[in-house]
Amino acid sequence: MSVSAEAGASSSGSVRATRTLTVTGLNHALHDGYTDLIYVLLPVWQAEFALSYGLLALLRGLYAGAMAGLQIPVGRIAERIDGKIILIAGTALSALGYVCAGFSGGVIGLGLALALSGAGSSTQHPIASAAVSRAYGAGARGPLGIYNFSGDLGKAAIPALTS
C-alpha cells in the first residue's frame, strides 16, 4: 500500500470515527435527557393524578427498572441484529413512551408508558458505547469521555428546556 493510500484510509477511518462519536453523543444526550425529564414531570403527574410519594417512586422505578434490566439483553440482541437499527428503534420507542405518558388518563397507563420509554432507553448505553469503542480502538478512552459528557449535557438541557 502506498503512503497516499494509507493516508486516505486513515483519513476515512478518522471521519467515520468522528461521525460515530457525533451521532452516538447526540443520541446519548437525548436518552439521558429523557431519563432526567421524569424529574420535571413527576410533580405534574402527582398533581394531575393525586399520586402519593410512594406511587411516584414506583413510577420512577418502572422507567429505571426497564432501562437497567434490559441493557444486557439488548446488547445480546445487537450481536445478531444491526445495532444501528436497534438504536434507532429504541430512541423512537423512548420518545413514544413519553408521548403515551402525555396521553395517559390514569396511573396504569402512565406506568405502562414509562416502562415503554425505559425499555427504549435501554438500547443506548450498550450499543452506542460499544460503537465508540470499536470506532476508536485502543484510542477510545478520550472519545468515550466525550460520549459520556454528552449525556451530561442532555441531562442538563432537556429537563431545563422542558420546564
N, C-alpha and C. Protein backbone atom coordinates (compact mmCIF):
# COMPACT_ATOMS: atom_id res chain seq x y z
N MET A 1 0.85 -1.17 0.00
CA MET A 1 0.00 0.00 0.00
C MET A 1 0.89 1.23 0.00
N SER A 2 0.59 2.19 -0.83
CA SER A 2 1.39 3.40 -0.92
C SER A 2 1.09 4.32 0.26
N VAL A 3 1.97 5.30 0.46
CA VAL A 3 1.80 6.25 1.56
C VAL A 3 0.51 7.05 1.39
N SER A 4 0.20 7.46 0.15
CA SER A 4 -1.03 8.24 -0.06
C SER A 4 -2.28 7.39 0.17
N ALA A 5 -2.21 6.11 -0.19
CA ALA A 5 -3.35 5.21 0.05
C ALA A 5 -3.56 4.99 1.54
N GLU A 6 -2.44 4.87 2.29
CA GLU A 6 -2.55 4.71 3.75
C GLU A 6 -3.15 5.96 4.38
N ALA A 7 -2.72 7.13 3.92
CA ALA A 7 -3.25 8.39 4.45
C ALA A 7 -4.74 8.52 4.16
N GLY A 8 -5.16 8.11 2.96
CA GLY A 8 -6.58 8.16 2.61
C GLY A 8 -7.40 7.22 3.46
N ALA A 9 -6.88 6.01 3.70
CA ALA A 9 -7.59 5.05 4.54
C ALA A 9 -7.66 5.55 5.97
N SER A 10 -6.57 6.15 6.46
CA SER A 10 -6.55 6.68 7.81
C SER A 10 -7.52 7.85 7.95
N SER A 11 -7.54 8.72 6.96
CA SER A 11 -8.45 9.86 6.97
C SER A 11 -9.91 9.41 6.94
N SER A 12 -10.19 8.41 6.12
CA SER A 12 -11.55 7.87 6.03
C SER A 12 -11.98 7.26 7.36
N GLY A 13 -11.06 6.54 8.02
CA GLY A 13 -11.36 5.95 9.32
C GLY A 13 -11.58 7.01 10.38
N SER A 14 -10.82 8.10 10.29
CA SER A 14 -10.96 9.20 11.24
C SER A 14 -12.31 9.90 11.08
N VAL A 15 -12.71 10.11 9.83
CA VAL A 15 -14.01 10.74 9.56
C VAL A 15 -15.13 9.85 10.07
N ARG A 16 -15.01 8.57 9.82
CA ARG A 16 -16.03 7.63 10.27
C ARG A 16 -16.11 7.58 11.80
N ALA A 17 -14.95 7.58 12.45
CA ALA A 17 -14.92 7.55 13.91
C ALA A 17 -15.54 8.83 14.47
N THR A 18 -15.23 9.96 13.87
CA THR A 18 -15.80 11.24 14.32
C THR A 18 -17.31 11.25 14.12
N ARG A 19 -17.76 10.73 12.99
CA ARG A 19 -19.21 10.66 12.74
C ARG A 19 -19.88 9.74 13.77
N THR A 20 -19.24 8.62 14.08
CA THR A 20 -19.79 7.71 15.09
C THR A 20 -19.90 8.40 16.43
N LEU A 21 -18.85 9.12 16.83
CA LEU A 21 -18.87 9.82 18.11
C LEU A 21 -19.94 10.91 18.13
N THR A 22 -20.10 11.63 17.03
CA THR A 22 -21.10 12.69 16.96
C THR A 22 -22.52 12.13 17.09
N VAL A 23 -22.81 11.10 16.31
CA VAL A 23 -24.16 10.52 16.33
C VAL A 23 -24.46 9.87 17.68
N THR A 24 -23.52 9.10 18.20
CA THR A 24 -23.77 8.45 19.50
C THR A 24 -23.81 9.47 20.63
N GLY A 25 -23.03 10.54 20.51
CA GLY A 25 -23.07 11.59 21.53
C GLY A 25 -24.42 12.31 21.56
N LEU A 26 -24.94 12.62 20.38
CA LEU A 26 -26.26 13.24 20.31
C LEU A 26 -27.34 12.30 20.85
N ASN A 27 -27.21 11.02 20.51
CA ASN A 27 -28.16 10.03 20.99
C ASN A 27 -28.07 9.89 22.50
N HIS A 28 -26.85 9.92 23.04
CA HIS A 28 -26.67 9.83 24.48
C HIS A 28 -27.28 11.04 25.19
N ALA A 29 -27.09 12.22 24.61
CA ALA A 29 -27.69 13.42 25.19
C ALA A 29 -29.21 13.31 25.21
N LEU A 30 -29.78 12.83 24.13
CA LEU A 30 -31.23 12.68 24.04
C LEU A 30 -31.74 11.68 25.08
N HIS A 31 -31.12 10.51 25.15
CA HIS A 31 -31.59 9.48 26.08
C HIS A 31 -31.40 9.89 27.54
N ASP A 32 -30.25 10.46 27.86
CA ASP A 32 -30.06 10.90 29.25
C ASP A 32 -30.99 12.06 29.59
N GLY A 33 -31.29 12.89 28.59
CA GLY A 33 -32.28 13.95 28.81
C GLY A 33 -33.66 13.37 29.09
N TYR A 34 -34.02 12.33 28.33
CA TYR A 34 -35.30 11.64 28.59
C TYR A 34 -35.31 11.07 30.01
N THR A 35 -34.20 10.49 30.42
CA THR A 35 -34.13 9.87 31.74
C THR A 35 -34.35 10.89 32.84
N ASP A 36 -33.75 12.07 32.72
CA ASP A 36 -33.93 13.08 33.76
C ASP A 36 -35.16 13.95 33.57
N LEU A 37 -35.79 13.86 32.42
CA LEU A 37 -37.03 14.58 32.18
C LEU A 37 -38.11 14.14 33.16
N ILE A 38 -38.03 12.91 33.62
CA ILE A 38 -39.04 12.40 34.54
C ILE A 38 -39.12 13.23 35.81
N TYR A 39 -37.98 13.83 36.23
CA TYR A 39 -37.98 14.62 37.45
C TYR A 39 -38.75 15.93 37.29
N VAL A 40 -38.85 16.42 36.08
CA VAL A 40 -39.67 17.60 35.82
C VAL A 40 -41.14 17.22 35.80
N LEU A 41 -41.43 16.03 35.28
CA LEU A 41 -42.82 15.62 35.08
C LEU A 41 -43.47 14.97 36.30
N LEU A 42 -42.68 14.41 37.20
CA LEU A 42 -43.28 13.75 38.37
C LEU A 42 -44.19 14.68 39.18
N PRO A 43 -43.80 15.91 39.47
CA PRO A 43 -44.73 16.79 40.21
C PRO A 43 -46.01 17.11 39.43
N VAL A 44 -45.89 17.19 38.11
CA VAL A 44 -47.08 17.43 37.27
C VAL A 44 -48.02 16.24 37.39
N TRP A 45 -47.46 15.04 37.27
CA TRP A 45 -48.28 13.83 37.36
C TRP A 45 -48.84 13.65 38.77
N GLN A 46 -48.08 14.06 39.78
CA GLN A 46 -48.57 13.96 41.16
C GLN A 46 -49.83 14.82 41.32
N ALA A 47 -49.78 16.02 40.81
CA ALA A 47 -50.94 16.91 40.91
C ALA A 47 -52.09 16.44 40.02
N GLU A 48 -51.78 15.99 38.82
CA GLU A 48 -52.80 15.57 37.86
C GLU A 48 -53.57 14.34 38.33
N PHE A 49 -52.85 13.36 38.88
CA PHE A 49 -53.47 12.09 39.24
C PHE A 49 -53.56 11.86 40.75
N ALA A 50 -53.26 12.88 41.55
CA ALA A 50 -53.30 12.80 43.02
C ALA A 50 -52.50 11.60 43.52
N LEU A 51 -51.22 11.53 43.14
CA LEU A 51 -50.37 10.39 43.47
C LEU A 51 -49.58 10.63 44.76
N SER A 52 -49.39 9.57 45.51
CA SER A 52 -48.57 9.64 46.72
C SER A 52 -47.09 9.59 46.32
N TYR A 53 -46.22 9.93 47.28
CA TYR A 53 -44.79 9.85 47.01
C TYR A 53 -44.36 8.41 46.72
N GLY A 54 -44.98 7.48 47.40
CA GLY A 54 -44.67 6.07 47.14
C GLY A 54 -45.00 5.65 45.72
N LEU A 55 -46.12 6.11 45.21
CA LEU A 55 -46.51 5.78 43.84
C LEU A 55 -45.60 6.49 42.83
N LEU A 56 -45.19 7.70 43.16
CA LEU A 56 -44.23 8.39 42.29
C LEU A 56 -42.91 7.62 42.21
N ALA A 57 -42.48 7.10 43.35
CA ALA A 57 -41.25 6.30 43.37
C ALA A 57 -41.42 5.03 42.55
N LEU A 58 -42.59 4.43 42.62
CA LEU A 58 -42.87 3.23 41.83
C LEU A 58 -42.83 3.55 40.33
N LEU A 59 -43.40 4.67 39.94
CA LEU A 59 -43.39 5.07 38.53
C LEU A 59 -41.96 5.31 38.05
N ARG A 60 -41.18 5.99 38.86
CA ARG A 60 -39.77 6.22 38.53
C ARG A 60 -39.04 4.89 38.43
N GLY A 61 -39.38 3.99 39.34
CA GLY A 61 -38.76 2.66 39.33
C GLY A 61 -39.11 1.84 38.10
N LEU A 62 -40.32 2.00 37.60
CA LEU A 62 -40.71 1.30 36.36
C LEU A 62 -39.83 1.72 35.20
N TYR A 63 -39.61 3.03 35.07
CA TYR A 63 -38.76 3.54 34.00
C TYR A 63 -37.32 3.03 34.18
N ALA A 64 -36.77 3.28 35.38
CA ALA A 64 -35.37 2.92 35.63
C ALA A 64 -35.16 1.41 35.57
N GLY A 65 -36.13 0.66 36.08
CA GLY A 65 -36.00 -0.80 36.06
C GLY A 65 -36.02 -1.37 34.66
N ALA A 66 -36.91 -0.85 33.82
CA ALA A 66 -36.96 -1.30 32.43
C ALA A 66 -35.67 -0.94 31.71
N MET A 67 -35.19 0.27 31.95
CA MET A 67 -33.96 0.71 31.28
C MET A 67 -32.76 -0.14 31.74
N ALA A 68 -32.60 -0.31 33.02
CA ALA A 68 -31.45 -1.06 33.53
C ALA A 68 -31.56 -2.55 33.24
N GLY A 69 -32.75 -3.09 33.45
CA GLY A 69 -32.93 -4.53 33.30
C GLY A 69 -32.82 -5.05 31.89
N LEU A 70 -33.03 -4.19 30.92
CA LEU A 70 -33.00 -4.64 29.52
C LEU A 70 -31.68 -4.34 28.80
N GLN A 71 -30.74 -3.66 29.46
CA GLN A 71 -29.50 -3.32 28.78
C GLN A 71 -28.70 -4.53 28.34
N ILE A 72 -28.57 -5.53 29.20
CA ILE A 72 -27.79 -6.72 28.82
C ILE A 72 -28.50 -7.51 27.72
N PRO A 73 -29.80 -7.78 27.83
CA PRO A 73 -30.46 -8.47 26.71
C PRO A 73 -30.38 -7.69 25.39
N VAL A 74 -30.49 -6.36 25.46
CA VAL A 74 -30.39 -5.56 24.24
C VAL A 74 -28.99 -5.68 23.64
N GLY A 75 -27.98 -5.69 24.48
CA GLY A 75 -26.61 -5.87 24.00
C GLY A 75 -26.44 -7.21 23.29
N ARG A 76 -27.07 -8.24 23.82
CA ARG A 76 -27.00 -9.57 23.19
C ARG A 76 -27.74 -9.58 21.85
N ILE A 77 -28.90 -8.92 21.82
CA ILE A 77 -29.66 -8.85 20.57
C ILE A 77 -28.86 -8.09 19.51
N ALA A 78 -28.13 -7.06 19.94
CA ALA A 78 -27.35 -6.26 19.00
C ALA A 78 -26.20 -7.06 18.38
N GLU A 79 -25.85 -8.19 18.98
CA GLU A 79 -24.83 -9.05 18.38
C GLU A 79 -25.38 -9.77 17.15
N ARG A 80 -26.71 -9.89 17.06
CA ARG A 80 -27.36 -10.61 15.96
C ARG A 80 -28.03 -9.68 14.94
N ILE A 81 -28.48 -8.54 15.42
CA ILE A 81 -29.18 -7.57 14.57
C ILE A 81 -28.35 -6.29 14.56
N ASP A 82 -28.34 -5.59 13.44
CA ASP A 82 -27.56 -4.37 13.32
C ASP A 82 -27.88 -3.40 14.47
N GLY A 83 -26.86 -3.01 15.20
CA GLY A 83 -27.03 -2.12 16.33
C GLY A 83 -27.66 -0.79 15.98
N LYS A 84 -27.40 -0.30 14.75
CA LYS A 84 -27.99 0.98 14.33
C LYS A 84 -29.51 0.88 14.30
N ILE A 85 -30.01 -0.22 13.81
CA ILE A 85 -31.47 -0.42 13.74
C ILE A 85 -32.06 -0.46 15.14
N ILE A 86 -31.41 -1.18 16.04
CA ILE A 86 -31.90 -1.28 17.41
C ILE A 86 -31.83 0.08 18.11
N LEU A 87 -30.76 0.82 17.87
CA LEU A 87 -30.61 2.13 18.50
C LEU A 87 -31.67 3.11 18.00
N ILE A 88 -31.94 3.10 16.71
CA ILE A 88 -32.99 3.97 16.15
C ILE A 88 -34.36 3.56 16.71
N ALA A 89 -34.63 2.26 16.72
CA ALA A 89 -35.91 1.78 17.25
C ALA A 89 -36.05 2.12 18.73
N GLY A 90 -34.98 1.97 19.48
CA GLY A 90 -35.02 2.28 20.90
C GLY A 90 -35.26 3.75 21.17
N THR A 91 -34.63 4.61 20.37
CA THR A 91 -34.84 6.04 20.53
C THR A 91 -36.29 6.42 20.22
N ALA A 92 -36.83 5.83 19.15
CA ALA A 92 -38.23 6.08 18.80
C ALA A 92 -39.17 5.56 19.89
N LEU A 93 -38.86 4.38 20.43
CA LEU A 93 -39.68 3.78 21.48
C LEU A 93 -39.65 4.63 22.75
N SER A 94 -38.48 5.15 23.07
CA SER A 94 -38.36 6.00 24.25
C SER A 94 -39.19 7.27 24.10
N ALA A 95 -39.13 7.89 22.93
CA ALA A 95 -39.94 9.09 22.68
C ALA A 95 -41.43 8.74 22.69
N LEU A 96 -41.78 7.62 22.07
CA LEU A 96 -43.17 7.19 22.03
C LEU A 96 -43.71 6.96 23.44
N GLY A 97 -42.88 6.44 24.32
CA GLY A 97 -43.30 6.24 25.71
C GLY A 97 -43.70 7.55 26.37
N TYR A 98 -42.93 8.60 26.13
CA TYR A 98 -43.29 9.90 26.71
C TYR A 98 -44.53 10.48 26.05
N VAL A 99 -44.72 10.24 24.76
CA VAL A 99 -45.95 10.68 24.09
C VAL A 99 -47.15 9.97 24.72
N CYS A 100 -47.02 8.66 24.91
CA CYS A 100 -48.10 7.89 25.55
C CYS A 100 -48.35 8.36 26.98
N ALA A 101 -47.29 8.72 27.68
CA ALA A 101 -47.46 9.25 29.04
C ALA A 101 -48.28 10.53 29.01
N GLY A 102 -48.06 11.35 28.00
CA GLY A 102 -48.80 12.59 27.87
C GLY A 102 -50.28 12.37 27.60
N PHE A 103 -50.59 11.26 26.94
CA PHE A 103 -51.98 10.96 26.63
C PHE A 103 -52.64 10.04 27.65
N SER A 104 -51.87 9.58 28.63
CA SER A 104 -52.44 8.62 29.59
C SER A 104 -53.51 9.30 30.44
N GLY A 105 -54.52 8.55 30.73
CA GLY A 105 -55.62 9.09 31.51
C GLY A 105 -55.61 8.62 32.95
N GLY A 106 -54.62 7.85 33.32
CA GLY A 106 -54.56 7.34 34.68
C GLY A 106 -53.19 6.78 34.99
N VAL A 107 -53.06 6.32 36.21
CA VAL A 107 -51.76 5.87 36.70
C VAL A 107 -51.29 4.57 36.01
N ILE A 108 -52.20 3.70 35.63
CA ILE A 108 -51.80 2.45 34.95
C ILE A 108 -51.24 2.76 33.57
N GLY A 109 -51.93 3.60 32.82
CA GLY A 109 -51.42 3.99 31.51
C GLY A 109 -50.09 4.72 31.62
N LEU A 110 -49.96 5.55 32.64
CA LEU A 110 -48.71 6.27 32.86
C LEU A 110 -47.57 5.30 33.18
N GLY A 111 -47.86 4.33 34.02
CA GLY A 111 -46.84 3.33 34.35
C GLY A 111 -46.40 2.52 33.14
N LEU A 112 -47.36 2.11 32.32
CA LEU A 112 -47.02 1.37 31.10
C LEU A 112 -46.21 2.22 30.14
N ALA A 113 -46.58 3.49 30.02
CA ALA A 113 -45.86 4.40 29.13
C ALA A 113 -44.42 4.61 29.60
N LEU A 114 -44.24 4.75 30.90
CA LEU A 114 -42.88 4.93 31.42
C LEU A 114 -42.04 3.66 31.29
N ALA A 115 -42.66 2.51 31.45
CA ALA A 115 -41.93 1.25 31.23
C ALA A 115 -41.53 1.13 29.76
N LEU A 116 -42.41 1.54 28.87
CA LEU A 116 -42.11 1.52 27.43
C LEU A 116 -40.94 2.46 27.12
N SER A 117 -40.98 3.65 27.67
CA SER A 117 -39.90 4.61 27.45
C SER A 117 -38.59 4.10 28.04
N GLY A 118 -38.64 3.51 29.20
CA GLY A 118 -37.43 2.93 29.79
C GLY A 118 -36.87 1.80 28.96
N ALA A 119 -37.75 0.97 28.41
CA ALA A 119 -37.30 -0.11 27.53
C ALA A 119 -36.58 0.46 26.30
N GLY A 120 -37.12 1.53 25.74
CA GLY A 120 -36.47 2.16 24.60
C GLY A 120 -35.11 2.74 24.97
N SER A 121 -35.02 3.31 26.16
CA SER A 121 -33.75 3.90 26.60
C SER A 121 -32.69 2.85 26.93
N SER A 122 -33.11 1.61 27.11
CA SER A 122 -32.15 0.55 27.43
C SER A 122 -31.20 0.26 26.28
N THR A 123 -31.54 0.71 25.09
CA THR A 123 -30.72 0.40 23.91
C THR A 123 -29.48 1.26 23.83
N GLN A 124 -29.52 2.45 24.40
CA GLN A 124 -28.48 3.44 24.15
C GLN A 124 -27.11 3.07 24.72
N HIS A 125 -27.00 2.81 26.00
CA HIS A 125 -25.68 2.60 26.59
C HIS A 125 -24.91 1.41 26.01
N PRO A 126 -25.49 0.23 25.95
CA PRO A 126 -24.67 -0.90 25.47
C PRO A 126 -24.28 -0.78 23.99
N ILE A 127 -25.16 -0.26 23.17
CA ILE A 127 -24.88 -0.22 21.73
C ILE A 127 -23.99 0.96 21.37
N ALA A 128 -24.30 2.14 21.86
CA ALA A 128 -23.56 3.34 21.48
C ALA A 128 -22.14 3.33 22.05
N SER A 129 -21.98 2.93 23.30
CA SER A 129 -20.62 2.91 23.86
C SER A 129 -19.76 1.88 23.15
N ALA A 130 -20.35 0.75 22.77
CA ALA A 130 -19.60 -0.26 22.01
C ALA A 130 -19.20 0.28 20.64
N ALA A 131 -20.09 1.06 20.01
CA ALA A 131 -19.78 1.64 18.70
C ALA A 131 -18.60 2.61 18.79
N VAL A 132 -18.58 3.43 19.84
CA VAL A 132 -17.46 4.36 20.03
C VAL A 132 -16.17 3.58 20.28
N SER A 133 -16.25 2.55 21.10
CA SER A 133 -15.07 1.73 21.38
C SER A 133 -14.53 1.08 20.11
N ARG A 134 -15.42 0.54 19.29
CA ARG A 134 -14.99 -0.07 18.03
C ARG A 134 -14.40 0.95 17.07
N ALA A 135 -15.00 2.13 17.01
CA ALA A 135 -14.55 3.16 16.07
C ALA A 135 -13.15 3.67 16.40
N TYR A 136 -12.82 3.75 17.69
CA TYR A 136 -11.55 4.33 18.10
C TYR A 136 -10.53 3.29 18.55
N GLY A 137 -10.94 2.06 18.75
CA GLY A 137 -10.00 1.01 19.13
C GLY A 137 -9.25 1.34 20.42
N ALA A 138 -7.93 1.19 20.37
CA ALA A 138 -7.10 1.42 21.56
C ALA A 138 -7.13 2.87 22.02
N GLY A 139 -7.47 3.79 21.14
CA GLY A 139 -7.52 5.21 21.49
C GLY A 139 -8.90 5.68 21.92
N ALA A 140 -9.73 4.78 22.42
CA ALA A 140 -11.13 5.10 22.72
C ALA A 140 -11.34 5.82 24.05
N ARG A 141 -10.34 5.88 24.90
CA ARG A 141 -10.55 6.45 26.22
C ARG A 141 -11.06 7.89 26.17
N GLY A 142 -10.42 8.76 25.42
CA GLY A 142 -10.84 10.16 25.30
C GLY A 142 -12.21 10.30 24.65
N PRO A 143 -12.42 9.64 23.49
CA PRO A 143 -13.75 9.72 22.87
C PRO A 143 -14.87 9.19 23.77
N LEU A 144 -14.60 8.16 24.56
CA LEU A 144 -15.64 7.66 25.49
C LEU A 144 -15.95 8.71 26.56
N GLY A 145 -14.95 9.48 26.95
CA GLY A 145 -15.18 10.58 27.89
C GLY A 145 -16.08 11.64 27.29
N ILE A 146 -15.83 11.96 26.01
CA ILE A 146 -16.68 12.93 25.31
C ILE A 146 -18.10 12.39 25.19
N TYR A 147 -18.20 11.12 24.83
CA TYR A 147 -19.51 10.46 24.72
C TYR A 147 -20.26 10.55 26.05
N ASN A 148 -19.59 10.25 27.15
CA ASN A 148 -20.23 10.30 28.47
C ASN A 148 -20.62 11.73 28.83
N PHE A 149 -19.77 12.69 28.51
CA PHE A 149 -20.08 14.09 28.81
C PHE A 149 -21.29 14.57 28.02
N SER A 150 -21.45 14.08 26.81
CA SER A 150 -22.62 14.48 26.02
C SER A 150 -23.92 14.06 26.71
N GLY A 151 -23.90 12.93 27.41
CA GLY A 151 -25.06 12.52 28.18
C GLY A 151 -25.37 13.51 29.30
N ASP A 152 -24.31 14.01 29.94
CA ASP A 152 -24.50 15.01 30.99
C ASP A 152 -25.10 16.29 30.44
N LEU A 153 -24.70 16.66 29.23
CA LEU A 153 -25.30 17.85 28.61
C LEU A 153 -26.79 17.65 28.37
N GLY A 154 -27.17 16.46 27.95
CA GLY A 154 -28.58 16.15 27.75
C GLY A 154 -29.36 16.18 29.05
N LYS A 155 -28.73 15.67 30.13
CA LYS A 155 -29.39 15.70 31.44
C LYS A 155 -29.64 17.12 31.91
N ALA A 156 -28.77 18.02 31.52
CA ALA A 156 -28.94 19.41 31.93
C ALA A 156 -29.90 20.16 31.00
N ALA A 157 -29.80 19.91 29.70
CA ALA A 157 -30.54 20.72 28.73
C ALA A 157 -32.01 20.33 28.57
N ILE A 158 -32.29 19.06 28.41
CA ILE A 158 -33.67 18.66 28.09
C ILE A 158 -34.65 18.95 29.23
N PRO A 159 -34.32 18.59 30.48
CA PRO A 159 -35.26 18.96 31.55
C PRO A 159 -35.40 20.48 31.70
N ALA A 160 -34.30 21.21 31.54
CA ALA A 160 -34.38 22.67 31.68
C ALA A 160 -35.25 23.28 30.57
N LEU A 161 -35.08 22.79 29.34
CA LEU A 161 -35.88 23.30 28.24
C LEU A 161 -37.35 22.93 28.40
N THR A 162 -37.62 21.77 28.97
CA THR A 162 -39.00 21.34 29.16
C THR A 162 -39.67 22.13 30.26
N SER A 163 -38.94 22.41 31.33
CA SER A 163 -39.55 23.13 32.44
C SER A 163 -39.81 24.57 32.07
